[in-house]
All heavy atoms as atom14 arrays in JSON, in Angstrom:
{
  "sequence": "AAAWFTYLQVVELDALCPYCMASHLVGFGLAICCIILAAQDPAVKA",
  "atom14_mask": [
    [1, 1, 1, 1, 1, 0, 0, 0, 0, 0, 0, 0, 0, 0],
    [1, 1, 1, 1, 1, 0, 0, 0, 0, 0, 0, 0, 0, 0],
    [1, 1, 1, 1, 1, 0, 0, 0, 0, 0, 0, 0, 0, 0],
    [1, 1, 1, 1, 1, 1, 1, 1, 1, 1, 1, 1, 1, 1],
    [1, 1, 1, 1, 1, 1, 1, 1, 1, 1, 1, 0, 0, 0],
    [1, 1, 1, 1, 1, 1, 1, 0, 0, 0, 0, 0, 0, 0],
    [1, 1, 1, 1, 1, 1, 1, 1, 1, 1, 1, 1, 0, 0],
    [1, 1, 1, 1, 1, 1, 1, 1, 0, 0, 0, 0, 0, 0],
    [1, 1, 1, 1, 1, 1, 1, 1, 1, 0, 0, 0, 0, 0],
    [1, 1, 1, 1, 1, 1, 1, 0, 0, 0, 0, 0, 0, 0],
    [1, 1, 1, 1, 1, 1, 1, 0, 0, 0, 0, 0, 0, 0],
    [1, 1, 1, 1, 1, 1, 1, 1, 1, 0, 0, 0, 0, 0],
    [1, 1, 1, 1, 1, 1, 1, 1, 0, 0, 0, 0, 0, 0],
    [1, 1, 1, 1, 1, 1, 1, 1, 0, 0, 0, 0, 0, 0],
    [1, 1, 1, 1, 1, 0, 0, 0, 0, 0, 0, 0, 0, 0],
    [1, 1, 1, 1, 1, 1, 1, 1, 0, 0, 0, 0, 0, 0],
    [1, 1, 1, 1, 1, 1, 0, 0, 0, 0, 0, 0, 0, 0],
    [1, 1, 1, 1, 1, 1, 1, 0, 0, 0, 0, 0, 0, 0],
    [1, 1, 1, 1, 1, 1, 1, 1, 1, 1, 1, 1, 0, 0],
    [1, 1, 1, 1, 1, 1, 0, 0, 0, 0, 0, 0, 0, 0],
    [1, 1, 1, 1, 1, 1, 1, 1, 0, 0, 0, 0, 0, 0],
    [1, 1, 1, 1, 1, 0, 0, 0, 0, 0, 0, 0, 0, 0],
    [1, 1, 1, 1, 1, 1, 0, 0, 0, 0, 0, 0, 0, 0],
    [1, 1, 1, 1, 1, 1, 1, 1, 1, 1, 0, 0, 0, 0],
    [1, 1, 1, 1, 1, 1, 1, 1, 0, 0, 0, 0, 0, 0],
    [1, 1, 1, 1, 1, 1, 1, 0, 0, 0, 0, 0, 0, 0],
    [1, 1, 1, 1, 0, 0, 0, 0, 0, 0, 0, 0, 0, 0],
    [1, 1, 1, 1, 1, 1, 1, 1, 1, 1, 1, 0, 0, 0],
    [1, 1, 1, 1, 0, 0, 0, 0, 0, 0, 0, 0, 0, 0],
    [1, 1, 1, 1, 1, 1, 1, 1, 0, 0, 0, 0, 0, 0],
    [1, 1, 1, 1, 1, 0, 0, 0, 0, 0, 0, 0, 0, 0],
    [1, 1, 1, 1, 1, 1, 1, 1, 0, 0, 0, 0, 0, 0],
    [1, 1, 1, 1, 1, 1, 0, 0, 0, 0, 0, 0, 0, 0],
    [1, 1, 1, 1, 1, 1, 0, 0, 0, 0, 0, 0, 0, 0],
    [1, 1, 1, 1, 1, 1, 1, 1, 0, 0, 0, 0, 0, 0],
    [1, 1, 1, 1, 1, 1, 1, 1, 0, 0, 0, 0, 0, 0],
    [1, 1, 1, 1, 1, 1, 1, 1, 0, 0, 0, 0, 0, 0],
    [1, 1, 1, 1, 1, 0, 0, 0, 0, 0, 0, 0, 0, 0],
    [1, 1, 1, 1, 1, 0, 0, 0, 0, 0, 0, 0, 0, 0],
    [1, 1, 1, 1, 1, 1, 1, 1, 1, 0, 0, 0, 0, 0],
    [1, 1, 1, 1, 1, 1, 1, 1, 0, 0, 0, 0, 0, 0],
    [1, 1, 1, 1, 1, 1, 1, 0, 0, 0, 0, 0, 0, 0],
    [1, 1, 1, 1, 1, 0, 0, 0, 0, 0, 0, 0, 0, 0],
    [1, 1, 1, 1, 1, 1, 1, 0, 0, 0, 0, 0, 0, 0],
    [1, 1, 1, 1, 1, 1, 1, 1, 1, 0, 0, 0, 0, 0],
    [1, 1, 1, 1, 1, 0, 0, 0, 0, 0, 0, 0, 0, 0]
  ],
  "atom14_positions": [
    [[-75.43, -44.35, 164.58], [-74.91, -44.02, 163.25], [-75.48, -44.94, 162.19], [-75.87, -44.49, 161.1], [-73.39, -44.11, 163.26], [0.0, 0.0, 0.0], [0.0, 0.0, 0.0], [0.0, 0.0, 0.0], [0.0, 0.0, 0.0], [0.0, 0.0, 0.0], [0.0, 0.0, 0.0], [0.0, 0.0, 0.0], [0.0, 0.0, 0.0], [0.0, 0.0, 0.0]],
    [[-75.56, -46.24, 162.49], [-76.1, -47.19, 161.51], [-77.55, -46.85, 161.18], [-77.96, -46.86, 160.01], [-75.99, -48.61, 162.05], [0.0, 0.0, 0.0], [0.0, 0.0, 0.0], [0.0, 0.0, 0.0], [0.0, 0.0, 0.0], [0.0, 0.0, 0.0], [0.0, 0.0, 0.0], [0.0, 0.0, 0.0], [0.0, 0.0, 0.0], [0.0, 0.0, 0.0]],
    [[-78.34, -46.53, 162.2], [-79.76, -46.21, 161.98], [-79.91, -44.89, 161.22], [-80.68, -44.8, 160.25], [-80.49, -46.14, 163.32], [0.0, 0.0, 0.0], [0.0, 0.0, 0.0], [0.0, 0.0, 0.0], [0.0, 0.0, 0.0], [0.0, 0.0, 0.0], [0.0, 0.0, 0.0], [0.0, 0.0, 0.0], [0.0, 0.0, 0.0], [0.0, 0.0, 0.0]],
    [[-79.19, -43.86, 161.63], [-79.34, -42.52, 161.05], [-78.9, -42.48, 159.58], [-79.62, -42.0, 158.71], [-78.55, -41.51, 161.88], [-78.44, -40.13, 161.29], [-77.31, -39.48, 160.9], [-79.51, -39.22, 161.03], [-77.59, -38.24, 160.42], [-78.94, -38.04, 160.49], [-80.9, -39.26, 161.2], [-79.7, -36.94, 160.11], [-81.66, -38.17, 160.82], [-81.07, -37.02, 160.28]],
    [[-77.7, -43.01, 159.32], [-77.17, -42.9, 157.96], [-77.83, -43.88, 156.99], [-77.87, -43.63, 155.79], [-75.65, -43.05, 157.97], [-74.95, -41.88, 158.61], [-74.36, -42.0, 159.85], [-74.94, -40.65, 157.99], [-73.74, -40.92, 160.46], [-74.33, -39.55, 158.57], [-73.73, -39.68, 159.82], [0.0, 0.0, 0.0], [0.0, 0.0, 0.0], [0.0, 0.0, 0.0]],
    [[-78.35, -44.98, 157.49], [-79.15, -45.86, 156.65], [-80.45, -45.17, 156.27], [-80.89, -45.21, 155.11], [-79.43, -47.19, 157.34], [-78.2, -47.86, 157.63], [-80.29, -48.1, 156.45], [0.0, 0.0, 0.0], [0.0, 0.0, 0.0], [0.0, 0.0, 0.0], [0.0, 0.0, 0.0], [0.0, 0.0, 0.0], [0.0, 0.0, 0.0], [0.0, 0.0, 0.0]],
    [[-81.07, -44.49, 157.23], [-82.29, -43.72, 156.96], [-82.03, -42.64, 155.9], [-82.83, -42.48, 154.97], [-82.79, -43.07, 158.25], [-83.73, -41.91, 158.01], [-85.07, -42.13, 157.68], [-83.28, -40.6, 158.1], [-85.93, -41.06, 157.44], [-84.12, -39.52, 157.86], [-85.45, -39.76, 157.52], [-86.28, -38.71, 157.27], [0.0, 0.0, 0.0], [0.0, 0.0, 0.0]],
    [[-80.93, -41.92, 156.04], [-80.63, -40.85, 155.08], [-80.5, -41.4, 153.66], [-81.0, -40.81, 152.69], [-79.34, -40.13, 155.48], [-79.41, -39.25, 156.73], [-78.03, -38.66, 157.04], [-80.42, -38.13, 156.55], [0.0, 0.0, 0.0], [0.0, 0.0, 0.0], [0.0, 0.0, 0.0], [0.0, 0.0, 0.0], [0.0, 0.0, 0.0], [0.0, 0.0, 0.0]],
    [[-79.81, -42.53, 153.52], [-79.59, -43.09, 152.19], [-80.89, -43.63, 151.58], [-81.18, -43.4, 150.4], [-78.54, -44.21, 152.25], [-77.14, -43.71, 152.56], [-76.14, -44.84, 152.7], [-75.73, -45.42, 151.71], [-75.77, -45.15, 153.94], [0.0, 0.0, 0.0], [0.0, 0.0, 0.0], [0.0, 0.0, 0.0], [0.0, 0.0, 0.0], [0.0, 0.0, 0.0]],
    [[-81.66, -44.32, 152.39], [-82.88, -44.97, 151.88], [-84.0, -43.96, 151.66], [-84.69, -43.99, 150.63], [-83.34, -46.08, 152.84], [-84.68, -46.65, 152.4], [-82.29, -47.19, 152.91], [0.0, 0.0, 0.0], [0.0, 0.0, 0.0], [0.0, 0.0, 0.0], [0.0, 0.0, 0.0], [0.0, 0.0, 0.0], [0.0, 0.0, 0.0], [0.0, 0.0, 0.0]],
    [[-84.19, -43.03, 152.59], [-85.34, -42.12, 152.55], [-85.0, -40.78, 151.93], [-85.67, -40.33, 150.98], [-85.91, -41.9, 153.97], [-87.08, -40.93, 153.93], [-86.34, -43.24, 154.57], [0.0, 0.0, 0.0], [0.0, 0.0, 0.0], [0.0, 0.0, 0.0], [0.0, 0.0, 0.0], [0.0, 0.0, 0.0], [0.0, 0.0, 0.0], [0.0, 0.0, 0.0]],
    [[-83.96, -40.1, 152.42], [-83.66, -38.75, 151.97], [-83.0, -38.72, 150.59], [-83.33, -37.88, 149.75], [-82.74, -38.05, 152.99], [-83.38, -37.81, 154.34], [-84.5, -36.78, 154.27], [-84.44, -35.9, 153.38], [-85.43, -36.86, 155.09], [0.0, 0.0, 0.0], [0.0, 0.0, 0.0], [0.0, 0.0, 0.0], [0.0, 0.0, 0.0], [0.0, 0.0, 0.0]],
    [[-82.05, -39.62, 150.36], [-81.29, -39.59, 149.11], [-81.76, -40.6, 148.08], [-81.5, -40.44, 146.88], [-79.8, -39.84, 149.41], [-79.11, -38.78, 150.29], [-77.69, -39.24, 150.64], [-79.08, -37.44, 149.59], [0.0, 0.0, 0.0], [0.0, 0.0, 0.0], [0.0, 0.0, 0.0], [0.0, 0.0, 0.0], [0.0, 0.0, 0.0], [0.0, 0.0, 0.0]],
    [[-82.44, -41.65, 148.53], [-82.86, -42.73, 147.63], [-81.68, -43.24, 146.82], [-81.76, -43.47, 145.62], [-83.98, -42.24, 146.7], [-84.65, -43.4, 145.95], [-84.57, -44.53, 146.45], [-85.23, -43.15, 144.87], [0.0, 0.0, 0.0], [0.0, 0.0, 0.0], [0.0, 0.0, 0.0], [0.0, 0.0, 0.0], [0.0, 0.0, 0.0], [0.0, 0.0, 0.0]],
    [[-80.55, -43.39, 147.48], [-79.32, -43.88, 146.85], [-78.48, -44.57, 147.92], [-78.48, -44.14, 149.08], [-78.54, -42.72, 146.22], [0.0, 0.0, 0.0], [0.0, 0.0, 0.0], [0.0, 0.0, 0.0], [0.0, 0.0, 0.0], [0.0, 0.0, 0.0], [0.0, 0.0, 0.0], [0.0, 0.0, 0.0], [0.0, 0.0, 0.0], [0.0, 0.0, 0.0]],
    [[-77.79, -45.62, 147.53], [-77.0, -46.39, 148.5], [-75.52, -46.34, 148.13], [-75.15, -46.47, 146.97], [-77.47, -47.85, 148.54], [-78.9, -48.1, 149.02], [-79.21, -49.58, 148.97], [-79.1, -47.56, 150.43], [0.0, 0.0, 0.0], [0.0, 0.0, 0.0], [0.0, 0.0, 0.0], [0.0, 0.0, 0.0], [0.0, 0.0, 0.0], [0.0, 0.0, 0.0]],
    [[-74.7, -46.14, 149.15], [-73.25, -46.17, 148.99], [-72.75, -47.51, 149.54], [-72.88, -47.77, 150.74], [-72.63, -45.01, 149.75], [-70.84, -45.14, 149.95], [0.0, 0.0, 0.0], [0.0, 0.0, 0.0], [0.0, 0.0, 0.0], [0.0, 0.0, 0.0], [0.0, 0.0, 0.0], [0.0, 0.0, 0.0], [0.0, 0.0, 0.0], [0.0, 0.0, 0.0]],
    [[-72.18, -48.37, 148.71], [-71.7, -49.67, 149.2], [-70.68, -49.55, 150.33], [-70.7, -50.34, 151.28], [-71.07, -50.3, 147.95], [-71.75, -49.63, 146.8], [-72.02, -48.23, 147.26], [0.0, 0.0, 0.0], [0.0, 0.0, 0.0], [0.0, 0.0, 0.0], [0.0, 0.0, 0.0], [0.0, 0.0, 0.0], [0.0, 0.0, 0.0], [0.0, 0.0, 0.0]],
    [[-69.78, -48.56, 150.22], [-68.79, -48.36, 151.29], [-69.51, -48.05, 152.61], [-69.18, -48.63, 153.66], [-67.88, -47.18, 150.94], [-66.87, -47.46, 149.86], [-67.12, -47.07, 148.55], [-65.66, -48.09, 150.14], [-66.19, -47.3, 147.54], [-64.73, -48.32, 149.15], [-64.99, -47.93, 147.85], [-64.08, -48.17, 146.87], [0.0, 0.0, 0.0], [0.0, 0.0, 0.0]],
    [[-70.45, -47.13, 152.55], [-71.15, -46.71, 153.77], [-71.98, -47.84, 154.36], [-71.95, -48.09, 155.58], [-72.05, -45.52, 153.47], [-71.22, -44.16, 152.63], [0.0, 0.0, 0.0], [0.0, 0.0, 0.0], [0.0, 0.0, 0.0], [0.0, 0.0, 0.0], [0.0, 0.0, 0.0], [0.0, 0.0, 0.0], [0.0, 0.0, 0.0], [0.0, 0.0, 0.0]],
    [[-72.73, -48.54, 153.5], [-73.59, -49.6, 154.0], [-72.77, -50.75, 154.58], [-73.15, -51.34, 155.59], [-74.5, -50.1, 152.87], [-75.52, -49.08, 152.4], [-76.57, -48.44, 153.75], [-77.42, -49.94, 154.26], [0.0, 0.0, 0.0], [0.0, 0.0, 0.0], [0.0, 0.0, 0.0], [0.0, 0.0, 0.0], [0.0, 0.0, 0.0], [0.0, 0.0, 0.0]],
    [[-71.63, -51.05, 153.94], [-70.76, -52.11, 154.48], [-70.22, -51.7, 155.84], [-70.19, -52.5, 156.79], [-69.62, -52.38, 153.51], [0.0, 0.0, 0.0], [0.0, 0.0, 0.0], [0.0, 0.0, 0.0], [0.0, 0.0, 0.0], [0.0, 0.0, 0.0], [0.0, 0.0, 0.0], [0.0, 0.0, 0.0], [0.0, 0.0, 0.0], [0.0, 0.0, 0.0]],
    [[-69.83, -50.44, 155.96], [-69.31, -49.95, 157.23], [-70.38, -50.0, 158.32], [-70.11, -50.4, 159.45], [-68.79, -48.51, 157.05], [-68.31, -47.99, 158.27], [0.0, 0.0, 0.0], [0.0, 0.0, 0.0], [0.0, 0.0, 0.0], [0.0, 0.0, 0.0], [0.0, 0.0, 0.0], [0.0, 0.0, 0.0], [0.0, 0.0, 0.0], [0.0, 0.0, 0.0]],
    [[-71.61, -49.61, 157.98], [-72.68, -49.61, 158.98], [-73.11, -51.03, 159.34], [-73.47, -51.3, 160.5], [-73.89, -48.83, 158.46], [-73.59, -47.37, 158.23], [-72.86, -46.63, 159.12], [-73.93, -46.53, 157.21], [-72.75, -45.39, 158.67], [-73.38, -45.31, 157.52], [0.0, 0.0, 0.0], [0.0, 0.0, 0.0], [0.0, 0.0, 0.0], [0.0, 0.0, 0.0]],
    [[-73.08, -51.94, 158.38], [-73.4, -53.34, 158.67], [-72.36, -53.93, 159.62], [-72.71, -54.6, 160.61], [-73.45, -54.14, 157.37], [-73.81, -55.63, 157.51], [-75.21, -55.77, 158.11], [-73.74, -56.33, 156.15], [0.0, 0.0, 0.0], [0.0, 0.0, 0.0], [0.0, 0.0, 0.0], [0.0, 0.0, 0.0], [0.0, 0.0, 0.0], [0.0, 0.0, 0.0]],
    [[-71.1, -53.65, 159.33], [-70.04, -54.11, 160.23], [-70.18, -53.44, 161.59], [-70.01, -54.07, 162.64], [-68.65, -53.81, 159.62], [-67.54, -54.05, 160.66], [-68.41, -54.67, 158.4], [0.0, 0.0, 0.0], [0.0, 0.0, 0.0], [0.0, 0.0, 0.0], [0.0, 0.0, 0.0], [0.0, 0.0, 0.0], [0.0, 0.0, 0.0], [0.0, 0.0, 0.0]],
    [[-70.51, -52.14, 161.57], [-70.68, -51.41, 162.83], [-71.8, -51.98, 163.67], [-71.67, -52.05, 164.91], [0.0, 0.0, 0.0], [0.0, 0.0, 0.0], [0.0, 0.0, 0.0], [0.0, 0.0, 0.0], [0.0, 0.0, 0.0], [0.0, 0.0, 0.0], [0.0, 0.0, 0.0], [0.0, 0.0, 0.0], [0.0, 0.0, 0.0], [0.0, 0.0, 0.0]],
    [[-72.9, -52.4, 163.02], [-74.01, -53.0, 163.77], [-73.57, -54.3, 164.44], [-73.83, -54.52, 165.63], [-75.18, -53.26, 162.82], [-76.37, -53.88, 163.49], [-77.27, -53.1, 164.19], [-76.58, -55.26, 163.43], [-78.37, -53.67, 164.83], [-77.66, -55.84, 164.06], [-78.56, -55.05, 164.76], [0.0, 0.0, 0.0], [0.0, 0.0, 0.0], [0.0, 0.0, 0.0]],
    [[-72.88, -55.15, 163.67], [-72.4, -56.41, 164.25], [-71.39, -56.17, 165.35], [-71.39, -56.85, 166.39], [0.0, 0.0, 0.0], [0.0, 0.0, 0.0], [0.0, 0.0, 0.0], [0.0, 0.0, 0.0], [0.0, 0.0, 0.0], [0.0, 0.0, 0.0], [0.0, 0.0, 0.0], [0.0, 0.0, 0.0], [0.0, 0.0, 0.0], [0.0, 0.0, 0.0]],
    [[-70.51, -55.18, 165.13], [-69.5, -54.85, 166.14], [-70.16, -54.33, 167.42], [-69.71, -54.65, 168.53], [-68.54, -53.8, 165.56], [-67.41, -53.33, 166.47], [-66.52, -54.49, 166.88], [-66.58, -52.25, 165.74], [0.0, 0.0, 0.0], [0.0, 0.0, 0.0], [0.0, 0.0, 0.0], [0.0, 0.0, 0.0], [0.0, 0.0, 0.0], [0.0, 0.0, 0.0]],
    [[-71.22, -53.54, 167.26], [-71.92, -53.01, 168.43], [-72.49, -54.14, 169.28], [-72.43, -54.11, 170.53], [-73.03, -52.06, 167.99], [0.0, 0.0, 0.0], [0.0, 0.0, 0.0], [0.0, 0.0, 0.0], [0.0, 0.0, 0.0], [0.0, 0.0, 0.0], [0.0, 0.0, 0.0], [0.0, 0.0, 0.0], [0.0, 0.0, 0.0], [0.0, 0.0, 0.0]],
    [[-73.06, -55.16, 168.64], [-73.61, -56.31, 169.38], [-72.5, -57.02, 170.15], [-72.66, -57.38, 171.33], [-74.32, -57.28, 168.41], [-75.46, -56.58, 167.68], [-74.82, -58.5, 169.17], [-76.51, -55.97, 168.58], [0.0, 0.0, 0.0], [0.0, 0.0, 0.0], [0.0, 0.0, 0.0], [0.0, 0.0, 0.0], [0.0, 0.0, 0.0], [0.0, 0.0, 0.0]],
    [[-71.35, -57.21, 169.48], [-70.21, -57.86, 170.14], [-69.75, -57.04, 171.34], [-69.44, -57.58, 172.41], [-69.05, -58.03, 169.16], [-69.37, -59.18, 167.81], [0.0, 0.0, 0.0], [0.0, 0.0, 0.0], [0.0, 0.0, 0.0], [0.0, 0.0, 0.0], [0.0, 0.0, 0.0], [0.0, 0.0, 0.0], [0.0, 0.0, 0.0], [0.0, 0.0, 0.0]],
    [[-69.7, -55.71, 171.19], [-69.27, -54.84, 172.28], [-70.22, -54.92, 173.47], [-69.79, -54.92, 174.63], [-69.18, -53.39, 171.79], [-67.82, -53.07, 170.64], [0.0, 0.0, 0.0], [0.0, 0.0, 0.0], [0.0, 0.0, 0.0], [0.0, 0.0, 0.0], [0.0, 0.0, 0.0], [0.0, 0.0, 0.0], [0.0, 0.0, 0.0], [0.0, 0.0, 0.0]],
    [[-71.52, -54.98, 173.18], [-72.51, -55.08, 174.26], [-72.33, -56.38, 175.03], [-72.37, -56.42, 176.27], [-73.93, -54.98, 173.67], [-74.17, -53.56, 173.15], [-74.97, -55.35, 174.72], [-75.47, -53.41, 172.39], [0.0, 0.0, 0.0], [0.0, 0.0, 0.0], [0.0, 0.0, 0.0], [0.0, 0.0, 0.0], [0.0, 0.0, 0.0], [0.0, 0.0, 0.0]],
    [[-72.11, -57.48, 174.3], [-71.91, -58.79, 174.96], [-70.68, -58.76, 175.86], [-70.7, -59.23, 177.0], [-71.79, -59.9, 173.91], [-73.11, -60.05, 173.14], [-71.37, -61.21, 174.56], [-73.03, -61.02, 171.97], [0.0, 0.0, 0.0], [0.0, 0.0, 0.0], [0.0, 0.0, 0.0], [0.0, 0.0, 0.0], [0.0, 0.0, 0.0], [0.0, 0.0, 0.0]],
    [[-69.6, -58.17, 175.34], [-68.35, -58.13, 176.11], [-68.47, -57.21, 177.32], [-68.03, -57.54, 178.42], [-67.2, -57.65, 175.21], [-66.73, -58.64, 174.14], [-65.81, -57.95, 173.13], [-66.01, -59.83, 174.8], [0.0, 0.0, 0.0], [0.0, 0.0, 0.0], [0.0, 0.0, 0.0], [0.0, 0.0, 0.0], [0.0, 0.0, 0.0], [0.0, 0.0, 0.0]],
    [[-69.07, -56.03, 177.13], [-69.19, -55.08, 178.23], [-70.12, -55.6, 179.32], [-69.9, -55.33, 180.51], [-69.7, -53.74, 177.69], [0.0, 0.0, 0.0], [0.0, 0.0, 0.0], [0.0, 0.0, 0.0], [0.0, 0.0, 0.0], [0.0, 0.0, 0.0], [0.0, 0.0, 0.0], [0.0, 0.0, 0.0], [0.0, 0.0, 0.0], [0.0, 0.0, 0.0]],
    [[-71.14, -56.35, 178.91], [-72.11, -56.86, 179.89], [-71.51, -57.9, 180.82], [-72.09, -58.2, 181.88], [-73.31, -57.45, 179.15], [0.0, 0.0, 0.0], [0.0, 0.0, 0.0], [0.0, 0.0, 0.0], [0.0, 0.0, 0.0], [0.0, 0.0, 0.0], [0.0, 0.0, 0.0], [0.0, 0.0, 0.0], [0.0, 0.0, 0.0], [0.0, 0.0, 0.0]],
    [[-70.35, -58.43, 180.46], [-69.71, -59.44, 181.32], [-69.03, -58.83, 182.54], [-68.5, -59.53, 183.38], [-68.69, -60.24, 180.5], [-69.33, -61.08, 179.41], [-68.33, -61.86, 178.59], [-67.18, -62.02, 178.99], [-68.76, -62.37, 177.44], [0.0, 0.0, 0.0], [0.0, 0.0, 0.0], [0.0, 0.0, 0.0], [0.0, 0.0, 0.0], [0.0, 0.0, 0.0]],
    [[-69.02, -57.52, 182.59], [-68.48, -56.84, 183.78], [-69.61, -56.03, 184.41], [-69.79, -54.84, 184.15], [-67.34, -55.89, 183.36], [-66.55, -55.4, 184.56], [-67.08, -55.46, 185.68], [-65.41, -54.94, 184.36], [0.0, 0.0, 0.0], [0.0, 0.0, 0.0], [0.0, 0.0, 0.0], [0.0, 0.0, 0.0], [0.0, 0.0, 0.0], [0.0, 0.0, 0.0]],
    [[-70.43, -56.67, 185.25], [-71.62, -56.01, 185.82], [-71.29, -54.85, 186.74], [-72.16, -54.05, 187.07], [-72.32, -57.14, 186.59], [-71.23, -58.13, 186.89], [-70.28, -58.06, 185.74], [0.0, 0.0, 0.0], [0.0, 0.0, 0.0], [0.0, 0.0, 0.0], [0.0, 0.0, 0.0], [0.0, 0.0, 0.0], [0.0, 0.0, 0.0], [0.0, 0.0, 0.0]],
    [[-70.03, -54.74, 187.16], [-69.66, -53.64, 188.06], [-69.7, -52.29, 187.35], [-69.81, -51.25, 187.99], [-68.26, -53.89, 188.63], [0.0, 0.0, 0.0], [0.0, 0.0, 0.0], [0.0, 0.0, 0.0], [0.0, 0.0, 0.0], [0.0, 0.0, 0.0], [0.0, 0.0, 0.0], [0.0, 0.0, 0.0], [0.0, 0.0, 0.0], [0.0, 0.0, 0.0]],
    [[-69.57, -52.33, 186.02], [-69.6, -51.09, 185.24], [-71.03, -50.86, 184.76], [-71.6, -51.68, 184.04], [-68.64, -51.17, 184.03], [-68.74, -49.89, 183.2], [-67.21, -51.39, 184.51], [0.0, 0.0, 0.0], [0.0, 0.0, 0.0], [0.0, 0.0, 0.0], [0.0, 0.0, 0.0], [0.0, 0.0, 0.0], [0.0, 0.0, 0.0], [0.0, 0.0, 0.0]],
    [[-71.63, -49.76, 185.16], [-73.0, -49.45, 184.8], [-73.08, -48.97, 183.35], [-72.3, -48.12, 182.92], [-73.58, -48.39, 185.73], [-73.56, -48.78, 187.21], [-74.39, -50.05, 187.46], [-74.39, -50.43, 188.93], [-75.16, -51.69, 189.17], [0.0, 0.0, 0.0], [0.0, 0.0, 0.0], [0.0, 0.0, 0.0], [0.0, 0.0, 0.0], [0.0, 0.0, 0.0]],
    [[-74.06, -49.49, 182.64], [-74.2, -49.15, 181.22], [-74.9, -47.82, 181.0], [-74.61, -47.1, 180.04], [-74.95, -50.26, 180.49], [0.0, 0.0, 0.0], [0.0, 0.0, 0.0], [0.0, 0.0, 0.0], [0.0, 0.0, 0.0], [0.0, 0.0, 0.0], [0.0, 0.0, 0.0], [0.0, 0.0, 0.0], [0.0, 0.0, 0.0], [0.0, 0.0, 0.0]]
  ]
}
């Protein structure tokens, strides 16, 4: 979602929504945190 909707705003629309960009920035950071946490349980295949 962060990659797709950032592309749409920058390339397709040439306009940025602060709400959307803030949400995607938080989402990117949250995704990294989720990967770190999930990786601590190697029994669950990613």
